[in-house]
Protein backbone atom coordinates (compact mmCIF):
# COMPACT_ATOMS: atom_id res chain seq x y z
CA MET A 1 88.56 220.13 106.11
CA LYS A 2 85.97 222.91 105.88
CA LEU A 3 86.95 226.61 105.26
CA THR A 4 83.47 228.27 106.75
CA THR A 5 81.81 231.44 105.37
CA ARG A 6 83.77 233.78 107.65
CA GLY A 7 87.39 233.38 105.77
CA ARG A 8 85.36 232.98 102.32
CA TYR A 9 83.25 236.38 102.81
CA ALA A 10 86.38 238.30 104.51
CA VAL A 11 88.65 237.38 100.94
CA THR A 12 85.87 237.73 98.69
CA ALA A 13 85.21 241.35 100.65
CA MET A 14 89.02 242.30 100.64
CA LEU A 15 89.36 240.95 97.28
CA ASP A 16 86.29 243.91 96.33
CA LEU A 17 88.18 246.31 97.58
CA ALA A 18 91.53 245.59 95.85
CA ILE A 19 89.19 246.11 92.54
CA HIS A 20 87.00 248.99 93.27
CA GLY A 21 88.85 250.80 96.56
CA ASP A 22 92.40 252.11 95.08
CA ARG A 23 91.33 255.68 94.15
CA GLN A 24 88.37 256.22 96.65
CA PRO A 25 87.10 254.75 99.71
CA ILE A 26 84.46 252.22 99.29
CA THR A 27 81.18 251.85 101.63
CA LEU A 28 80.70 248.53 103.20
CA ALA A 29 76.99 248.79 101.61
CA ASP A 30 78.58 248.93 98.27
CA ILE A 31 80.39 245.48 98.63
CA SER A 32 77.54 244.20 100.54
CA GLN A 33 75.12 245.10 97.14
CA ARG A 34 78.15 243.87 94.93
CA GLN A 35 79.34 240.82 96.53
CA GLU A 36 75.47 239.85 98.53
CA ILE A 37 76.90 239.52 101.61
CA SER A 38 75.58 240.96 104.79
CA LEU A 39 76.00 244.26 105.44
CA SER A 40 75.85 243.49 109.24
CA TYR A 41 77.99 240.53 108.56
CA LEU A 42 80.59 242.96 106.98
CA GLU A 43 80.53 245.40 109.79
CA GLN A 44 82.13 242.74 111.89
CA LEU A 45 84.34 241.23 109.45
CA PHE A 46 85.96 244.57 108.81
CA SER A 47 86.39 245.83 112.42
CA LYS A 48 88.51 242.38 112.68
CA LEU A 49 90.02 243.20 109.41
CA ARG A 50 90.89 246.74 111.01
CA ARG A 51 92.23 245.80 114.15
CA GLU A 52 95.07 243.70 111.92
CA ASP A 53 95.72 246.72 109.78
CA LEU A 54 94.88 244.88 106.51
CA VAL A 55 92.15 247.95 106.54
CA ARG A 56 91.58 251.66 107.22
CA SER A 57 88.52 253.39 107.57
CA ILE A 58 87.78 256.76 106.35
CA ARG A 59 85.01 259.16 107.79
CA GLY A 60 82.58 261.66 106.78
CA PRO A 61 81.20 262.21 103.59
CA GLY A 62 82.74 260.15 100.64
CA GLY A 63 84.22 257.63 103.34
CA GLY A 64 84.27 253.92 103.25
CA TYR A 65 87.36 251.70 103.43
CA GLN A 66 90.74 251.31 101.58
CA LEU A 67 93.22 248.81 101.77
CA ALA A 68 95.96 249.88 104.37
CA ARG A 69 98.67 248.63 102.36
CA GLY A 70 99.48 248.04 98.37
CA PHE A 71 97.14 244.66 97.60
CA GLU A 72 100.49 242.95 96.73
CA THR A 73 101.23 242.75 100.45
CA ILE A 74 98.27 241.57 101.60
CA PHE A 75 97.88 237.69 101.81
CA VAL A 76 94.90 235.35 101.53
CA ALA A 77 96.18 233.62 104.82
CA GLN A 78 96.65 236.93 106.78
CA ILE A 79 92.77 237.71 105.97
CA ILE A 80 91.53 234.58 107.07
CA ASP A 81 94.01 234.78 110.58
CA ALA A 82 92.26 238.21 110.90
CA VAL A 83 89.02 237.01 111.03
CA ASP A 84 89.31 234.34 113.72
CA GLU A 85 89.26 231.59 110.76
CA SER A 86 91.22 228.55 111.00
CA ILE A 87 92.84 226.33 108.33
CA ASP A 88 92.61 222.80 110.26
CA ALA A 89 92.08 219.36 108.55
CA THR A 90 92.45 217.70 111.87
CA ASN A 91 89.31 216.58 113.97
CA CYS A 92 90.48 218.04 117.15
CA GLN A 93 91.22 221.01 116.09
CA GLY A 94 94.95 220.85 116.41
CA ARG A 95 94.63 220.18 120.12
CA GLY A 96 95.90 216.39 119.71
CA ASP A 97 93.20 214.41 121.77
CA CYS A 98 91.76 213.33 118.66
CA ASN A 99 91.24 209.53 119.96
CA HIS A 100 89.86 209.49 123.77
CA GLY A 101 91.93 212.77 124.91
CA GLU A 102 95.24 211.15 122.98
CA VAL A 103 96.36 212.13 119.37
CA CYS A 104 95.21 210.09 117.03
CA LEU A 105 97.18 207.59 114.58
CA THR A 106 96.71 210.28 111.47
CA HIS A 107 96.51 213.17 113.76
CA HIS A 108 100.30 214.54 112.31
CA LEU A 109 99.35 213.82 108.51
CA TRP A 110 96.17 216.33 109.28
CA GLN A 111 97.90 218.72 111.27
CA ASP A 112 100.69 218.46 108.38
CA LEU A 113 98.06 219.14 105.40
CA SER A 114 96.73 222.27 107.51
CA ASP A 115 99.93 223.70 107.53
CA GLN A 116 100.58 222.87 103.56
CA ILE A 117 97.38 224.71 102.79
CA HIS A 118 98.00 227.61 105.65
CA GLY A 119 101.46 227.99 103.54
CA PHE A 120 99.66 227.80 99.88
CA LEU A 121 97.25 230.28 100.88
CA SER A 122 100.53 232.56 102.83
CA GLY A 123 101.90 232.83 98.75
CA ILE A 124 98.76 234.29 97.34
CA SER A 125 98.14 237.95 97.52
CA LEU A 126 95.46 240.14 96.70
CA GLU A 127 97.23 241.35 93.50
CA ASP A 128 97.77 237.47 92.82
CA LEU A 129 93.70 237.04 92.57
CA VAL A 130 93.39 240.32 91.11
CA LYS A 131 95.70 239.14 87.95
CA ARG A 132 94.09 235.70 87.96
CA GLY A 133 90.97 236.76 87.56
CA GLY A 134 92.04 238.96 85.05
CA PHE A 135 90.21 241.94 86.79
CA ARG A 136 91.03 245.52 86.33
CA THR A 137 91.52 247.93 89.80
CA SER A 138 89.62 251.48 88.95
CA SER A 139 92.61 253.25 88.74
CA TYR A 140 93.74 250.56 85.54
CA MET A 141 90.57 251.60 84.53
CA ALA A 142 90.52 255.31 85.10
CA GLY A 143 93.71 255.29 83.23
CA ILE A 144 91.88 254.13 80.35
CA VAL A 145 89.48 256.82 80.75
CA ASP A 146 91.69 259.47 81.35
CA ALA A 147 94.15 258.41 78.05
CA GLN A 148 93.98 260.62 75.21
CA PRO A 149 92.66 259.42 71.97
CA LEU A 150 95.27 258.05 69.49
CA THR A 151 95.24 259.96 65.99
CA ILE A 152 96.39 259.28 62.64
CA ARG A 153 97.91 261.97 60.84
CA ASP A 154 98.24 261.69 57.19
CA GLN A 155 101.12 261.33 55.32
């Protein structure tokens, strides 16, 4: 079983957007530079992500992309599905024609594995990935920067 570059890059780009894009739109050029993903490839991915309402585009100066909804409601499986990636451990891509047009002996095992992986990824949100990685979103960091210094008075 293999998750291709398309699925991996889509998840990586969405995580970058979750980390950096909660206060202002982020350009694909910025994501491209930070994640070392081709700009033209990101454009293809984001076209699909936008069609599935996972991101929204903001036009004009200061424009770019933002998550279409809260990062706690966007799950890894949704991202992978949006870019037409399949998580499939079968040799027949789930068609059931693995053994000369018939189901092979282990087809159901590999199909069950595929279903388990998809279910697992359906339970992991971008918020979970941000927390697991110990990342801070830009609004969190802005809160730190905007915070008033603590003063201690002599008594």
